[in-house]
């Protein structure tokens, strides 16, 4: 298995990049987060990799950080989540934002990712919270109920799912945050 590749960026597409390693061009399917972090063409880069093997295909996935690679691999352990959906999650959340969504039980935020429905979001929460040994909700900040109500209020104000997900992920909520505190903080982030 290939752990990482170090070479020059040889090109990129909407969902992939090419890394030239000693004259061999590797095509890596990447998250939007990784593609944004890549240097210009012909500049050196190091990408952590995951090799996905199926009967009919062999695919190489690339990640800007080892944390993003671990998030991707953890998502693949959830029933019903394949590489495409896991990559969508990695595009929508940074590893830290995703951990926060897991800790706070933000099923609506996870379900806002294209390709994930409510049932799959719940399964991700249940499976990964146990596997990743995440802290209890009391330690993490706002209650899931406050986050759910804040998400609903922001939707009613006309913000998109991705804007809301990003704003709520960036918040540093206190243990006793009310819905109003969460909405106020999210509006500051969105402004």
N, C-alpha and C. Protein backbone atom coordinates (compact mmCIF):
# COMPACT_ATOMS: atom_id res chain seq x y z
N UNK A 1 0.84 -1.18 0.00
CA UNK A 1 0.00 0.00 0.00
C UNK A 1 0.89 1.24 0.00
N UNK A 2 0.45 2.27 -0.68
CA UNK A 2 1.19 3.53 -0.76
C UNK A 2 0.71 4.42 0.38
N UNK A 3 1.60 4.88 1.25
CA UNK A 3 1.25 5.72 2.39
C UNK A 3 1.13 7.19 2.04
N UNK A 4 2.07 7.67 1.24
CA UNK A 4 2.01 9.05 0.77
C UNK A 4 2.85 9.18 -0.48
N UNK A 5 2.62 10.25 -1.22
CA UNK A 5 3.41 10.55 -2.41
C UNK A 5 4.00 11.94 -2.26
N UNK A 6 5.26 12.08 -2.63
CA UNK A 6 5.92 13.38 -2.63
C UNK A 6 6.44 13.60 -4.05
N UNK A 7 6.01 14.68 -4.65
CA UNK A 7 6.44 14.98 -6.01
C UNK A 7 5.90 16.33 -6.44
N UNK A 8 6.00 16.62 -7.73
CA UNK A 8 5.53 17.89 -8.25
C UNK A 8 4.09 17.76 -8.75
N UNK A 9 3.31 18.81 -8.50
CA UNK A 9 1.94 18.84 -9.01
C UNK A 9 2.04 18.96 -10.53
N UNK A 10 1.44 18.02 -11.25
CA UNK A 10 1.55 17.99 -12.71
C UNK A 10 0.25 18.41 -13.39
N UNK A 11 -0.77 18.70 -12.60
CA UNK A 11 -2.06 19.12 -13.17
C UNK A 11 -3.17 18.79 -12.20
N UNK A 12 -4.35 19.29 -12.53
CA UNK A 12 -5.50 19.03 -11.67
C UNK A 12 -6.78 19.16 -12.46
N UNK A 13 -7.83 18.50 -11.94
CA UNK A 13 -9.16 18.57 -12.52
C UNK A 13 -10.16 18.93 -11.43
N UNK A 14 -11.43 18.76 -11.71
CA UNK A 14 -12.48 19.13 -10.75
C UNK A 14 -12.41 18.29 -9.48
N UNK A 15 -12.01 17.02 -9.60
CA UNK A 15 -12.00 16.14 -8.43
C UNK A 15 -10.71 15.33 -8.29
N UNK A 16 -9.67 15.74 -9.00
CA UNK A 16 -8.43 14.97 -8.95
C UNK A 16 -7.23 15.87 -9.23
N UNK A 17 -6.06 15.30 -8.96
CA UNK A 17 -4.81 15.96 -9.34
C UNK A 17 -3.84 14.90 -9.81
N UNK A 18 -2.77 15.35 -10.44
CA UNK A 18 -1.71 14.47 -10.88
C UNK A 18 -0.44 14.88 -10.16
N UNK A 19 0.25 13.89 -9.59
CA UNK A 19 1.52 14.13 -8.93
C UNK A 19 2.59 13.35 -9.68
N UNK A 20 3.62 14.08 -10.11
CA UNK A 20 4.74 13.47 -10.83
C UNK A 20 5.80 13.07 -9.80
N UNK A 21 5.98 11.76 -9.64
CA UNK A 21 6.96 11.23 -8.71
C UNK A 21 8.01 10.47 -9.52
N UNK A 22 9.15 11.08 -9.70
CA UNK A 22 10.23 10.43 -10.44
C UNK A 22 9.86 10.06 -11.86
N UNK A 23 9.10 10.90 -12.52
CA UNK A 23 8.72 10.65 -13.91
C UNK A 23 7.47 9.80 -14.07
N UNK A 24 6.86 9.36 -12.98
CA UNK A 24 5.62 8.60 -13.05
C UNK A 24 4.49 9.50 -12.54
N UNK A 25 3.44 9.63 -13.33
CA UNK A 25 2.32 10.49 -12.96
C UNK A 25 1.23 9.69 -12.27
N UNK A 26 0.95 10.02 -11.01
CA UNK A 26 -0.11 9.36 -10.24
C UNK A 26 -1.35 10.24 -10.27
N UNK A 27 -2.49 9.63 -10.60
CA UNK A 27 -3.77 10.35 -10.57
C UNK A 27 -4.41 10.06 -9.22
N UNK A 28 -4.66 11.12 -8.44
CA UNK A 28 -5.27 10.97 -7.12
C UNK A 28 -6.61 11.70 -7.10
N UNK A 29 -7.64 10.99 -6.71
CA UNK A 29 -8.93 11.62 -6.50
C UNK A 29 -8.85 12.34 -5.16
N UNK A 30 -9.28 13.60 -5.13
CA UNK A 30 -9.08 14.43 -3.93
C UNK A 30 -10.35 15.16 -3.54
N UNK A 31 -10.40 15.54 -2.27
CA UNK A 31 -11.48 16.38 -1.77
C UNK A 31 -11.24 17.81 -2.25
N UNK A 32 -12.30 18.61 -2.20
CA UNK A 32 -12.16 20.02 -2.57
C UNK A 32 -11.18 20.72 -1.64
N UNK A 33 -11.16 20.31 -0.37
CA UNK A 33 -10.24 20.88 0.61
C UNK A 33 -8.79 20.65 0.19
N UNK A 34 -8.47 19.45 -0.21
CA UNK A 34 -7.12 19.12 -0.64
C UNK A 34 -6.76 19.86 -1.91
N UNK A 35 -7.67 19.90 -2.87
CA UNK A 35 -7.38 20.58 -4.14
C UNK A 35 -7.09 22.07 -3.92
N UNK A 36 -7.83 22.69 -2.98
CA UNK A 36 -7.59 24.11 -2.68
C UNK A 36 -6.23 24.33 -2.03
N UNK A 37 -5.74 23.34 -1.30
CA UNK A 37 -4.48 23.51 -0.58
C UNK A 37 -3.25 23.19 -1.42
N UNK A 38 -3.45 22.64 -2.61
CA UNK A 38 -2.30 22.27 -3.44
C UNK A 38 -1.55 23.50 -3.94
N UNK A 39 -0.23 23.41 -4.03
CA UNK A 39 0.53 24.52 -4.61
C UNK A 39 0.31 24.58 -6.13
N UNK A 40 0.88 25.56 -6.76
CA UNK A 40 0.76 25.73 -8.22
C UNK A 40 1.40 24.54 -8.93
N UNK A 41 1.06 24.36 -10.19
CA UNK A 41 1.66 23.30 -11.00
C UNK A 41 3.18 23.44 -11.02
N UNK A 42 3.84 22.30 -11.09
CA UNK A 42 5.30 22.19 -11.10
C UNK A 42 5.95 22.55 -9.76
N UNK A 43 5.14 22.69 -8.71
CA UNK A 43 5.67 22.93 -7.37
C UNK A 43 5.56 21.63 -6.58
N UNK A 44 6.46 21.40 -5.61
CA UNK A 44 6.43 20.15 -4.84
C UNK A 44 5.24 20.08 -3.88
N UNK A 45 4.75 18.87 -3.70
CA UNK A 45 3.63 18.62 -2.78
C UNK A 45 3.79 17.23 -2.18
N UNK A 46 3.20 17.06 -1.01
CA UNK A 46 3.16 15.75 -0.37
C UNK A 46 1.70 15.46 -0.05
N UNK A 47 1.20 14.33 -0.55
CA UNK A 47 -0.18 13.94 -0.30
C UNK A 47 -0.22 12.56 0.35
N UNK A 48 -0.99 12.46 1.44
CA UNK A 48 -1.25 11.17 2.08
C UNK A 48 -2.23 10.44 1.20
N UNK A 49 -2.13 9.12 1.13
CA UNK A 49 -2.95 8.38 0.17
C UNK A 49 -3.75 7.26 0.81
N UNK A 50 -4.77 6.86 0.08
CA UNK A 50 -5.56 5.68 0.42
C UNK A 50 -5.80 4.95 -0.90
N UNK A 51 -5.48 3.66 -0.95
CA UNK A 51 -5.69 2.85 -2.14
C UNK A 51 -6.98 2.06 -1.98
N UNK A 52 -7.91 2.27 -2.90
CA UNK A 52 -9.20 1.59 -2.85
C UNK A 52 -9.22 0.53 -3.96
N UNK A 53 -9.38 -0.73 -3.55
CA UNK A 53 -9.36 -1.84 -4.49
C UNK A 53 -10.73 -2.49 -4.55
N UNK A 54 -11.24 -2.61 -5.77
CA UNK A 54 -12.49 -3.36 -6.02
C UNK A 54 -12.22 -4.35 -7.14
N UNK A 55 -13.20 -5.19 -7.40
CA UNK A 55 -13.03 -6.17 -8.47
C UNK A 55 -12.76 -5.50 -9.81
N UNK A 56 -13.46 -4.39 -10.06
CA UNK A 56 -13.40 -3.75 -11.37
C UNK A 56 -12.62 -2.44 -11.41
N UNK A 57 -12.03 -2.05 -10.29
CA UNK A 57 -11.34 -0.76 -10.29
C UNK A 57 -10.26 -0.70 -9.21
N UNK A 58 -9.28 0.14 -9.48
CA UNK A 58 -8.22 0.44 -8.52
C UNK A 58 -8.12 1.96 -8.51
N UNK A 59 -8.37 2.57 -7.36
CA UNK A 59 -8.37 4.03 -7.28
C UNK A 59 -7.43 4.49 -6.16
N UNK A 60 -6.78 5.61 -6.39
CA UNK A 60 -5.88 6.20 -5.42
C UNK A 60 -6.46 7.54 -5.00
N UNK A 61 -6.63 7.74 -3.69
CA UNK A 61 -7.18 8.97 -3.15
C UNK A 61 -6.06 9.73 -2.46
N UNK A 62 -6.06 11.05 -2.59
CA UNK A 62 -5.01 11.86 -2.00
C UNK A 62 -5.57 12.89 -1.02
N UNK A 63 -4.81 13.16 0.05
CA UNK A 63 -5.25 14.07 1.11
C UNK A 63 -4.12 14.99 1.53
N UNK A 64 -4.44 16.24 1.79
CA UNK A 64 -3.44 17.23 2.17
C UNK A 64 -2.86 16.94 3.55
N UNK A 65 -3.66 16.35 4.43
CA UNK A 65 -3.18 16.07 5.79
C UNK A 65 -3.48 14.62 6.17
N UNK A 66 -2.70 14.15 7.12
CA UNK A 66 -2.93 12.79 7.61
C UNK A 66 -4.27 12.71 8.35
N UNK A 67 -4.68 13.81 8.99
CA UNK A 67 -5.97 13.84 9.70
C UNK A 67 -7.13 13.67 8.73
N UNK A 68 -7.03 14.29 7.56
CA UNK A 68 -8.09 14.14 6.55
C UNK A 68 -8.12 12.70 6.03
N UNK A 69 -6.96 12.09 5.85
CA UNK A 69 -6.89 10.70 5.41
C UNK A 69 -7.55 9.78 6.45
N UNK A 70 -7.26 10.01 7.74
CA UNK A 70 -7.84 9.19 8.80
C UNK A 70 -9.36 9.37 8.86
N UNK A 71 -9.83 10.59 8.64
CA UNK A 71 -11.27 10.84 8.61
C UNK A 71 -11.92 10.05 7.49
N UNK A 72 -11.31 10.09 6.31
CA UNK A 72 -11.80 9.36 5.14
C UNK A 72 -11.87 7.86 5.44
N UNK A 73 -10.79 7.31 6.00
CA UNK A 73 -10.75 5.88 6.30
C UNK A 73 -11.78 5.50 7.36
N UNK A 74 -11.98 6.36 8.36
CA UNK A 74 -12.99 6.09 9.38
C UNK A 74 -14.39 6.07 8.76
N UNK A 75 -14.65 6.99 7.86
CA UNK A 75 -15.96 7.04 7.20
C UNK A 75 -16.23 5.77 6.39
N UNK A 76 -15.19 5.22 5.79
CA UNK A 76 -15.38 4.00 4.99
C UNK A 76 -15.79 2.80 5.83
N UNK A 77 -15.58 2.86 7.14
CA UNK A 77 -15.97 1.75 8.01
C UNK A 77 -17.46 1.76 8.32
N UNK A 78 -18.15 2.86 7.98
CA UNK A 78 -19.58 2.97 8.25
C UNK A 78 -20.36 2.30 7.13
N UNK A 79 -21.30 1.45 7.48
CA UNK A 79 -22.12 0.75 6.49
C UNK A 79 -22.88 1.77 5.64
N UNK A 80 -22.80 1.61 4.33
CA UNK A 80 -23.50 2.50 3.42
C UNK A 80 -22.70 3.70 2.98
N UNK A 81 -21.47 3.85 3.47
CA UNK A 81 -20.62 4.97 3.08
C UNK A 81 -19.47 4.43 2.24
N UNK A 82 -19.43 4.87 0.99
CA UNK A 82 -18.35 4.48 0.09
C UNK A 82 -17.39 5.64 -0.12
N UNK A 83 -16.41 5.45 -0.99
CA UNK A 83 -15.40 6.49 -1.21
C UNK A 83 -15.97 7.82 -1.70
N UNK A 84 -16.98 7.79 -2.57
CA UNK A 84 -17.54 9.05 -3.07
C UNK A 84 -18.17 9.86 -1.95
N UNK A 85 -18.96 9.20 -1.12
CA UNK A 85 -19.62 9.91 -0.02
C UNK A 85 -18.59 10.37 1.01
N UNK A 86 -17.62 9.52 1.31
CA UNK A 86 -16.58 9.90 2.27
C UNK A 86 -15.80 11.12 1.77
N UNK A 87 -15.55 11.17 0.47
CA UNK A 87 -14.85 12.32 -0.10
C UNK A 87 -15.72 13.58 -0.03
N UNK A 88 -17.04 13.44 -0.20
CA UNK A 88 -17.95 14.58 -0.06
C UNK A 88 -17.88 15.15 1.36
N UNK A 89 -17.83 14.25 2.34
CA UNK A 89 -17.73 14.70 3.73
C UNK A 89 -16.41 15.44 3.95
N UNK A 90 -15.32 14.90 3.40
CA UNK A 90 -14.01 15.55 3.54
C UNK A 90 -13.98 16.89 2.82
N UNK A 91 -14.78 17.05 1.77
CA UNK A 91 -14.87 18.33 1.07
C UNK A 91 -15.69 19.34 1.87
N UNK A 92 -16.69 18.85 2.61
CA UNK A 92 -17.58 19.74 3.35
C UNK A 92 -17.03 20.14 4.72
N UNK A 93 -16.25 19.27 5.34
CA UNK A 93 -15.74 19.50 6.70
C UNK A 93 -14.23 19.36 6.73
N UNK A 94 -13.58 20.18 7.53
CA UNK A 94 -12.18 19.89 7.87
C UNK A 94 -12.25 18.76 8.90
N UNK A 95 -11.16 18.07 9.15
CA UNK A 95 -11.20 17.01 10.18
C UNK A 95 -11.67 17.53 11.54
N UNK A 96 -11.26 18.74 11.92
CA UNK A 96 -11.68 19.31 13.21
C UNK A 96 -13.17 19.62 13.22
N UNK A 97 -13.68 20.17 12.12
CA UNK A 97 -15.11 20.47 12.02
C UNK A 97 -15.93 19.19 12.08
N UNK A 98 -15.43 18.13 11.43
CA UNK A 98 -16.15 16.87 11.43
C UNK A 98 -16.19 16.25 12.82
N UNK A 99 -15.06 16.29 13.53
CA UNK A 99 -15.04 15.79 14.91
C UNK A 99 -16.03 16.56 15.77
N UNK A 100 -16.09 17.87 15.59
CA UNK A 100 -17.03 18.68 16.36
C UNK A 100 -18.47 18.28 16.03
N UNK A 101 -18.76 18.04 14.76
CA UNK A 101 -20.11 17.60 14.37
C UNK A 101 -20.44 16.26 15.04
N UNK A 102 -19.47 15.37 15.12
CA UNK A 102 -19.68 14.08 15.77
C UNK A 102 -19.92 14.25 17.26
N UNK A 103 -19.10 15.07 17.89
CA UNK A 103 -19.19 15.28 19.34
C UNK A 103 -20.52 15.91 19.72
N UNK A 104 -20.96 16.89 18.92
CA UNK A 104 -22.20 17.60 19.24
C UNK A 104 -23.44 16.88 18.71
N UNK A 105 -23.26 15.79 17.98
CA UNK A 105 -24.40 15.05 17.46
C UNK A 105 -25.13 15.81 16.36
N UNK A 106 -24.40 16.56 15.55
CA UNK A 106 -24.98 17.40 14.51
C UNK A 106 -25.36 16.58 13.28
N UNK A 107 -26.42 15.78 13.42
CA UNK A 107 -26.88 14.93 12.32
C UNK A 107 -27.36 15.77 11.14
N UNK A 108 -28.01 16.90 11.41
CA UNK A 108 -28.50 17.76 10.34
C UNK A 108 -27.34 18.33 9.52
N UNK A 109 -26.26 18.70 10.19
CA UNK A 109 -25.08 19.20 9.49
C UNK A 109 -24.46 18.14 8.61
N UNK A 110 -24.35 16.92 9.12
CA UNK A 110 -23.78 15.83 8.34
C UNK A 110 -24.72 15.46 7.19
N UNK A 111 -26.03 15.49 7.46
CA UNK A 111 -27.02 15.15 6.42
C UNK A 111 -27.08 16.21 5.32
N UNK A 112 -26.53 17.40 5.56
CA UNK A 112 -26.54 18.44 4.54
C UNK A 112 -25.47 18.20 3.46
N UNK A 113 -24.61 17.23 3.69
CA UNK A 113 -23.59 16.88 2.70
C UNK A 113 -24.27 16.10 1.57
N UNK A 114 -24.02 16.46 0.30
CA UNK A 114 -24.64 15.72 -0.81
C UNK A 114 -24.33 14.23 -0.73
N UNK A 115 -25.36 13.40 -0.90
CA UNK A 115 -25.20 11.96 -0.88
C UNK A 115 -25.45 11.32 0.47
N UNK A 116 -25.72 12.15 1.49
CA UNK A 116 -25.98 11.61 2.83
C UNK A 116 -27.38 12.01 3.26
N UNK A 117 -28.16 11.01 3.61
CA UNK A 117 -29.50 11.25 4.13
C UNK A 117 -29.49 11.22 5.65
N UNK A 118 -30.65 11.41 6.24
CA UNK A 118 -30.75 11.44 7.71
C UNK A 118 -30.34 10.12 8.35
N UNK A 119 -30.76 9.00 7.76
CA UNK A 119 -30.42 7.69 8.35
C UNK A 119 -28.91 7.45 8.30
N UNK A 120 -28.29 7.77 7.18
CA UNK A 120 -26.84 7.59 7.07
C UNK A 120 -26.11 8.51 8.02
N UNK A 121 -26.60 9.74 8.17
CA UNK A 121 -25.98 10.69 9.11
C UNK A 121 -26.05 10.14 10.53
N UNK A 122 -27.19 9.59 10.91
CA UNK A 122 -27.33 9.00 12.25
C UNK A 122 -26.38 7.82 12.43
N UNK A 123 -26.26 7.00 11.38
CA UNK A 123 -25.36 5.84 11.45
C UNK A 123 -23.91 6.30 11.59
N UNK A 124 -23.53 7.36 10.87
CA UNK A 124 -22.18 7.91 11.00
C UNK A 124 -21.93 8.37 12.42
N UNK A 125 -22.90 9.09 12.99
CA UNK A 125 -22.76 9.59 14.36
C UNK A 125 -22.56 8.44 15.35
N UNK A 126 -23.40 7.43 15.25
CA UNK A 126 -23.35 6.31 16.19
C UNK A 126 -22.05 5.52 16.03
N UNK A 127 -21.74 5.15 14.79
CA UNK A 127 -20.56 4.31 14.55
C UNK A 127 -19.25 5.02 14.87
N UNK A 128 -19.11 6.24 14.41
CA UNK A 128 -17.81 6.91 14.55
C UNK A 128 -17.58 7.49 15.94
N UNK A 129 -18.64 7.87 16.63
CA UNK A 129 -18.43 8.39 17.98
C UNK A 129 -17.81 7.29 18.86
N UNK A 130 -18.30 6.07 18.69
CA UNK A 130 -17.74 4.95 19.46
C UNK A 130 -16.33 4.60 19.00
N UNK A 131 -16.12 4.52 17.67
CA UNK A 131 -14.83 4.12 17.13
C UNK A 131 -13.73 5.14 17.41
N UNK A 132 -14.09 6.41 17.37
CA UNK A 132 -13.08 7.45 17.55
C UNK A 132 -12.92 7.88 19.00
N UNK A 133 -13.70 7.26 19.91
CA UNK A 133 -13.61 7.53 21.34
C UNK A 133 -13.69 9.04 21.62
N UNK A 134 -14.79 9.64 21.16
CA UNK A 134 -14.99 11.07 21.32
C UNK A 134 -15.59 11.39 22.68
N UNK A 135 -15.37 12.62 23.19
CA UNK A 135 -15.90 12.99 24.50
C UNK A 135 -17.42 13.10 24.50
N UNK A 136 -17.99 13.10 25.69
CA UNK A 136 -19.43 13.24 25.82
C UNK A 136 -19.86 14.65 25.46
N UNK A 137 -21.16 14.81 25.19
CA UNK A 137 -21.70 16.09 24.76
C UNK A 137 -21.53 17.20 25.78
N UNK A 138 -21.54 16.88 27.06
CA UNK A 138 -21.42 17.93 28.08
C UNK A 138 -20.09 18.66 27.96
N UNK A 139 -19.06 17.98 27.53
CA UNK A 139 -17.74 18.57 27.41
C UNK A 139 -17.63 19.43 26.16
N UNK A 140 -18.40 19.08 25.14
CA UNK A 140 -18.19 19.66 23.82
C UNK A 140 -18.76 21.05 23.62
N UNK A 141 -19.67 21.52 24.42
CA UNK A 141 -20.26 22.84 24.19
C UNK A 141 -21.76 22.75 24.08
N UNK A 142 -22.33 23.43 23.12
CA UNK A 142 -23.77 23.53 22.98
C UNK A 142 -24.44 22.17 22.86
N UNK A 143 -25.65 22.10 23.37
CA UNK A 143 -26.40 20.84 23.29
C UNK A 143 -26.85 20.61 21.86
N UNK A 144 -27.11 19.35 21.49
CA UNK A 144 -27.60 19.07 20.14
C UNK A 144 -28.92 19.79 19.87
N UNK A 145 -29.76 19.95 20.90
CA UNK A 145 -31.03 20.63 20.72
C UNK A 145 -30.81 22.11 20.37
N UNK A 146 -29.87 22.76 21.04
CA UNK A 146 -29.57 24.17 20.75
C UNK A 146 -29.01 24.30 19.33
N UNK A 147 -28.15 23.39 18.92
CA UNK A 147 -27.61 23.43 17.57
C UNK A 147 -28.70 23.21 16.53
N UNK A 148 -29.60 22.26 16.80
CA UNK A 148 -30.70 21.98 15.87
C UNK A 148 -31.60 23.21 15.71
N UNK A 149 -31.95 23.83 16.82
CA UNK A 149 -32.81 25.02 16.77
C UNK A 149 -32.09 26.19 16.10
N UNK A 150 -30.81 26.34 16.36
CA UNK A 150 -30.04 27.41 15.73
C UNK A 150 -29.95 27.18 14.22
N UNK A 151 -29.72 25.91 13.82
CA UNK A 151 -29.68 25.58 12.39
C UNK A 151 -31.00 25.94 11.73
N UNK A 152 -32.11 25.61 12.37
CA UNK A 152 -33.43 25.91 11.83
C UNK A 152 -33.63 27.42 11.70
N UNK A 153 -33.22 28.17 12.72
CA UNK A 153 -33.36 29.63 12.68
C UNK A 153 -32.55 30.22 11.54
N UNK A 154 -31.33 29.73 11.33
CA UNK A 154 -30.48 30.24 10.25
C UNK A 154 -31.05 29.88 8.88
N UNK A 155 -31.65 28.69 8.76
CA UNK A 155 -32.31 28.31 7.51
C UNK A 155 -33.47 29.25 7.22
N UNK A 156 -34.23 29.60 8.26
CA UNK A 156 -35.35 30.52 8.08
C UNK A 156 -34.89 31.91 7.68
N UNK A 157 -33.65 32.27 8.04
CA UNK A 157 -33.09 33.55 7.64
C UNK A 157 -32.56 33.53 6.21
N UNK A 158 -32.58 32.34 5.58
CA UNK A 158 -32.20 32.23 4.17
C UNK A 158 -30.78 31.77 3.89
N UNK A 159 -30.07 31.32 4.90
CA UNK A 159 -28.71 30.84 4.67
C UNK A 159 -28.74 29.41 4.12
N UNK A 160 -27.76 29.09 3.27
CA UNK A 160 -27.69 27.75 2.67
C UNK A 160 -27.15 26.75 3.68
N UNK A 161 -27.36 25.47 3.40
CA UNK A 161 -26.87 24.40 4.28
C UNK A 161 -25.36 24.47 4.46
N UNK A 162 -24.64 24.73 3.37
CA UNK A 162 -23.18 24.76 3.48
C UNK A 162 -22.72 25.97 4.29
N UNK A 163 -23.38 27.12 4.14
CA UNK A 163 -23.01 28.30 4.94
C UNK A 163 -23.26 28.03 6.42
N UNK A 164 -24.40 27.42 6.72
CA UNK A 164 -24.76 27.13 8.11
C UNK A 164 -23.78 26.12 8.71
N UNK A 165 -23.49 25.06 7.95
CA UNK A 165 -22.57 24.03 8.43
C UNK A 165 -21.21 24.66 8.76
N UNK A 166 -20.71 25.50 7.87
CA UNK A 166 -19.40 26.12 8.09
C UNK A 166 -19.44 27.07 9.30
N UNK A 167 -20.49 27.88 9.40
CA UNK A 167 -20.59 28.83 10.51
C UNK A 167 -20.69 28.10 11.85
N UNK A 168 -21.51 27.07 11.93
CA UNK A 168 -21.65 26.34 13.19
C UNK A 168 -20.39 25.55 13.53
N UNK A 169 -19.69 25.07 12.52
CA UNK A 169 -18.45 24.33 12.77
C UNK A 169 -17.36 25.24 13.29
N UNK A 170 -17.37 26.50 12.88
CA UNK A 170 -16.33 27.44 13.30
C UNK A 170 -16.59 28.05 14.67
N UNK A 171 -17.78 27.84 15.23
CA UNK A 171 -18.12 28.43 16.53
C UNK A 171 -17.39 27.75 17.67
N UNK A 172 -17.02 28.53 18.64
CA UNK A 172 -16.47 28.01 19.90
C UNK A 172 -17.54 28.28 20.95
N UNK A 173 -18.47 27.34 21.12
CA UNK A 173 -19.59 27.55 22.04
C UNK A 173 -19.19 27.18 23.47
N UNK A 174 -19.76 27.92 24.41
CA UNK A 174 -19.55 27.61 25.83
C UNK A 174 -20.50 26.49 26.23
N UNK A 175 -20.21 25.91 27.39
CA UNK A 175 -21.03 24.79 27.86
C UNK A 175 -22.49 25.18 28.08
N UNK A 176 -22.74 26.44 28.41
CA UNK A 176 -24.11 26.86 28.72
C UNK A 176 -24.72 27.72 27.61
N UNK A 177 -24.25 27.56 26.38
CA UNK A 177 -24.75 28.37 25.27
C UNK A 177 -26.23 28.10 25.02
N UNK A 178 -26.98 29.19 24.86
CA UNK A 178 -28.39 29.08 24.51
C UNK A 178 -28.52 29.12 23.00
N UNK A 179 -29.73 28.87 22.51
CA UNK A 179 -29.98 28.95 21.07
C UNK A 179 -29.63 30.34 20.56
N UNK A 180 -30.01 31.36 21.33
CA UNK A 180 -29.74 32.74 20.93
C UNK A 180 -28.24 33.00 20.83
N UNK A 181 -27.47 32.46 21.78
CA UNK A 181 -26.02 32.63 21.75
C UNK A 181 -25.42 31.98 20.50
N UNK A 182 -25.91 30.79 20.18
CA UNK A 182 -25.39 30.06 19.02
C UNK A 182 -25.73 30.82 17.74
N UNK A 183 -26.99 31.30 17.61
CA UNK A 183 -27.40 32.04 16.41
C UNK A 183 -26.59 33.33 16.31
N UNK A 184 -26.45 34.03 17.40
CA UNK A 184 -25.68 35.28 17.40
C UNK A 184 -24.24 35.03 16.95
N UNK A 185 -23.62 34.00 17.50
CA UNK A 185 -22.24 33.66 17.11
C UNK A 185 -22.14 33.27 15.64
N UNK A 186 -23.12 32.48 15.17
CA UNK A 186 -23.11 32.06 13.76
C UNK A 186 -23.28 33.25 12.83
N UNK A 187 -24.13 34.20 13.21
CA UNK A 187 -24.33 35.39 12.39
C UNK A 187 -23.06 36.22 12.31
N UNK A 188 -22.30 36.26 13.39
CA UNK A 188 -21.02 36.99 13.37
C UNK A 188 -20.05 36.30 12.39
N UNK A 189 -20.04 34.96 12.41
CA UNK A 189 -19.17 34.22 11.50
C UNK A 189 -19.61 34.46 10.05
N UNK A 190 -20.91 34.47 9.82
CA UNK A 190 -21.45 34.64 8.46
C UNK A 190 -21.27 36.06 7.94
N UNK A 191 -21.13 37.03 8.85
CA UNK A 191 -21.03 38.44 8.43
C UNK A 191 -19.74 38.74 7.82
